[in-house]
């Protein structure tokens, strides 16, 4: 994903938007969103992910990850 595509993502992402961004299954998205240390935000019964914190999490949890710029 290029910088422009990342910038176009919403600041708070739903599970469906996260699934599309990461290109993983719905089950994998919910496993991530329930994992300890993953930057999930709880708003009532909804779970969302802050884009900036997600990009930080990706950098910290991948080997040789390319740095993302917002």
N, C-alpha and C. Protein backbone atom coordinates (compact mmCIF):
# COMPACT_ATOMS: atom_id res chain seq x y z
N UNK A 1 0.84 -1.16 0.00
CA UNK A 1 0.00 0.00 0.00
C UNK A 1 0.90 1.24 0.00
N UNK A 2 0.58 2.19 -0.85
CA UNK A 2 1.43 3.38 -0.92
C UNK A 2 0.95 4.44 0.07
N UNK A 3 1.73 5.50 0.19
CA UNK A 3 1.46 6.56 1.15
C UNK A 3 0.09 7.19 0.95
N UNK A 4 -0.29 7.43 -0.28
CA UNK A 4 -1.59 8.05 -0.56
C UNK A 4 -2.74 7.14 -0.11
N UNK A 5 -2.61 5.86 -0.33
CA UNK A 5 -3.65 4.92 0.11
C UNK A 5 -3.75 4.91 1.63
N UNK A 6 -2.63 4.97 2.31
CA UNK A 6 -2.63 4.99 3.77
C UNK A 6 -3.27 6.28 4.27
N UNK A 7 -2.93 7.40 3.65
CA UNK A 7 -3.53 8.68 4.06
C UNK A 7 -5.04 8.69 3.86
N UNK A 8 -5.53 7.97 2.87
CA UNK A 8 -6.96 7.98 2.58
C UNK A 8 -7.77 7.12 3.56
N UNK A 9 -7.10 6.31 4.37
CA UNK A 9 -7.81 5.50 5.35
C UNK A 9 -8.39 6.40 6.44
N UNK A 10 -9.53 6.02 7.01
CA UNK A 10 -10.09 6.82 8.11
C UNK A 10 -9.19 6.73 9.35
N UNK A 11 -9.24 7.76 10.19
CA UNK A 11 -8.42 7.76 11.40
C UNK A 11 -8.81 6.65 12.37
N UNK A 12 -10.10 6.33 12.42
CA UNK A 12 -10.59 5.19 13.20
C UNK A 12 -11.17 4.18 12.22
N UNK A 13 -10.62 2.98 12.25
CA UNK A 13 -11.03 1.97 11.28
C UNK A 13 -11.92 0.91 11.93
N UNK A 14 -12.95 0.51 11.20
CA UNK A 14 -13.81 -0.59 11.62
C UNK A 14 -13.10 -1.91 11.32
N UNK A 15 -13.69 -2.99 11.80
CA UNK A 15 -13.14 -4.31 11.51
C UNK A 15 -13.11 -4.56 10.01
N UNK A 16 -14.15 -4.15 9.32
CA UNK A 16 -14.22 -4.36 7.87
C UNK A 16 -13.13 -3.57 7.14
N UNK A 17 -12.90 -2.32 7.56
CA UNK A 17 -11.84 -1.51 6.94
C UNK A 17 -10.47 -2.09 7.24
N UNK A 18 -10.29 -2.58 8.46
CA UNK A 18 -9.02 -3.22 8.84
C UNK A 18 -8.79 -4.48 8.02
N UNK A 19 -9.84 -5.25 7.83
CA UNK A 19 -9.75 -6.47 7.02
C UNK A 19 -9.30 -6.14 5.61
N UNK A 20 -9.88 -5.12 5.03
CA UNK A 20 -9.52 -4.71 3.67
C UNK A 20 -8.08 -4.21 3.61
N UNK A 21 -7.68 -3.41 4.60
CA UNK A 21 -6.32 -2.86 4.64
C UNK A 21 -5.28 -3.96 4.78
N UNK A 22 -5.51 -4.89 5.70
CA UNK A 22 -4.53 -5.95 5.96
C UNK A 22 -4.66 -7.15 5.02
N UNK A 23 -5.79 -7.21 4.31
CA UNK A 23 -6.06 -8.31 3.39
C UNK A 23 -5.99 -9.67 4.10
N UNK A 24 -6.74 -9.72 5.21
CA UNK A 24 -6.83 -10.96 5.98
C UNK A 24 -8.30 -11.29 6.20
N UNK A 25 -8.56 -12.47 6.71
CA UNK A 25 -9.94 -12.92 6.91
C UNK A 25 -10.61 -12.16 8.05
N UNK A 26 -11.93 -12.22 8.05
CA UNK A 26 -12.72 -11.58 9.11
C UNK A 26 -12.34 -12.17 10.47
N UNK A 27 -12.20 -13.49 10.53
CA UNK A 27 -11.83 -14.16 11.78
C UNK A 27 -10.46 -13.67 12.27
N UNK A 28 -9.51 -13.51 11.35
CA UNK A 28 -8.18 -13.03 11.73
C UNK A 28 -8.23 -11.61 12.27
N UNK A 29 -9.09 -10.78 11.67
CA UNK A 29 -9.24 -9.40 12.15
C UNK A 29 -9.73 -9.40 13.59
N UNK A 30 -10.76 -10.19 13.87
CA UNK A 30 -11.29 -10.22 15.23
C UNK A 30 -10.31 -10.86 16.21
N UNK A 31 -9.52 -11.82 15.76
CA UNK A 31 -8.47 -12.37 16.62
C UNK A 31 -7.46 -11.27 16.98
N UNK A 32 -7.07 -10.48 16.00
CA UNK A 32 -6.15 -9.37 16.26
C UNK A 32 -6.76 -8.36 17.21
N UNK A 33 -8.00 -7.97 16.93
CA UNK A 33 -8.65 -6.93 17.73
C UNK A 33 -8.87 -7.37 19.18
N UNK A 34 -8.87 -8.66 19.42
CA UNK A 34 -9.01 -9.19 20.78
C UNK A 34 -7.67 -9.53 21.42
N UNK A 35 -6.59 -9.41 20.67
CA UNK A 35 -5.26 -9.77 21.19
C UNK A 35 -4.72 -8.69 22.12
N UNK A 36 -4.06 -9.15 23.17
CA UNK A 36 -3.42 -8.22 24.09
C UNK A 36 -2.31 -7.46 23.36
N UNK A 37 -2.27 -6.16 23.55
CA UNK A 37 -1.24 -5.34 22.94
C UNK A 37 -1.63 -4.77 21.59
N UNK A 38 -2.73 -5.23 21.00
CA UNK A 38 -3.18 -4.67 19.73
C UNK A 38 -3.98 -3.41 20.03
N UNK A 39 -3.77 -2.34 19.24
CA UNK A 39 -4.38 -1.03 19.56
C UNK A 39 -5.87 -0.92 19.24
N UNK A 40 -6.68 -1.70 19.94
CA UNK A 40 -8.12 -1.67 19.74
C UNK A 40 -8.74 -0.64 20.67
N UNK A 41 -9.69 0.11 20.14
CA UNK A 41 -10.43 1.10 20.92
C UNK A 41 -11.85 0.57 21.06
N UNK A 42 -12.37 0.58 22.27
CA UNK A 42 -13.74 0.14 22.53
C UNK A 42 -14.63 1.37 22.66
N UNK A 43 -15.62 1.46 21.80
CA UNK A 43 -16.59 2.54 21.84
C UNK A 43 -17.95 1.87 22.00
N UNK A 44 -18.43 1.84 23.23
CA UNK A 44 -19.63 1.06 23.51
C UNK A 44 -19.33 -0.40 23.25
N UNK A 45 -20.14 -1.02 22.42
CA UNK A 45 -19.90 -2.42 22.08
C UNK A 45 -19.08 -2.57 20.80
N UNK A 46 -18.75 -1.44 20.18
CA UNK A 46 -17.97 -1.48 18.93
C UNK A 46 -16.48 -1.51 19.22
N UNK A 47 -15.76 -2.16 18.33
CA UNK A 47 -14.30 -2.17 18.41
C UNK A 47 -13.78 -1.48 17.16
N UNK A 48 -12.84 -0.56 17.36
CA UNK A 48 -12.24 0.16 16.25
C UNK A 48 -10.74 0.23 16.48
N UNK A 49 -10.02 0.62 15.44
CA UNK A 49 -8.57 0.70 15.53
C UNK A 49 -8.12 2.07 15.04
N UNK A 50 -7.29 2.72 15.85
CA UNK A 50 -6.71 4.01 15.48
C UNK A 50 -5.63 3.78 14.43
N UNK A 51 -5.74 4.45 13.29
CA UNK A 51 -4.80 4.24 12.18
C UNK A 51 -3.35 4.48 12.59
N UNK A 52 -3.07 5.58 13.26
CA UNK A 52 -1.69 5.90 13.63
C UNK A 52 -1.11 4.84 14.57
N UNK A 53 -1.92 4.40 15.55
CA UNK A 53 -1.44 3.38 16.47
C UNK A 53 -1.27 2.03 15.78
N UNK A 54 -2.13 1.76 14.79
CA UNK A 54 -2.00 0.53 14.02
C UNK A 54 -0.68 0.52 13.25
N UNK A 55 -0.35 1.62 12.61
CA UNK A 55 0.90 1.68 11.85
C UNK A 55 2.11 1.53 12.76
N UNK A 56 2.04 2.12 13.98
CA UNK A 56 3.12 1.93 14.96
C UNK A 56 3.21 0.46 15.36
N UNK A 57 2.05 -0.17 15.61
CA UNK A 57 2.02 -1.57 16.00
C UNK A 57 2.62 -2.45 14.91
N UNK A 58 2.31 -2.17 13.66
CA UNK A 58 2.87 -2.95 12.54
C UNK A 58 4.38 -2.83 12.53
N UNK A 59 4.89 -1.62 12.69
CA UNK A 59 6.35 -1.42 12.69
C UNK A 59 7.02 -2.17 13.84
N UNK A 60 6.39 -2.17 15.00
CA UNK A 60 6.97 -2.81 16.18
C UNK A 60 6.87 -4.33 16.14
N UNK A 61 5.96 -4.86 15.34
CA UNK A 61 5.69 -6.29 15.37
C UNK A 61 6.03 -7.02 14.07
N UNK A 62 6.82 -6.39 13.24
CA UNK A 62 7.27 -7.05 12.01
C UNK A 62 8.77 -6.91 11.89
N UNK A 63 9.39 -7.87 11.26
CA UNK A 63 10.84 -7.83 11.05
C UNK A 63 11.15 -7.04 9.79
N UNK A 64 12.00 -6.05 9.92
CA UNK A 64 12.41 -5.27 8.76
C UNK A 64 11.28 -4.51 8.12
N UNK A 65 10.31 -4.09 8.91
CA UNK A 65 9.14 -3.39 8.37
C UNK A 65 9.54 -2.05 7.80
N UNK A 66 8.89 -1.70 6.71
CA UNK A 66 9.07 -0.40 6.12
C UNK A 66 8.31 0.61 6.96
N UNK A 67 8.90 1.74 7.19
CA UNK A 67 8.26 2.79 7.97
C UNK A 67 7.12 3.40 7.17
N UNK A 68 5.98 3.63 7.84
CA UNK A 68 4.84 4.27 7.21
C UNK A 68 4.85 5.74 7.54
N UNK A 69 4.45 6.57 6.60
CA UNK A 69 4.34 7.99 6.82
C UNK A 69 2.90 8.40 6.59
N UNK A 70 2.34 9.12 7.56
CA UNK A 70 0.96 9.59 7.43
C UNK A 70 0.91 10.90 6.69
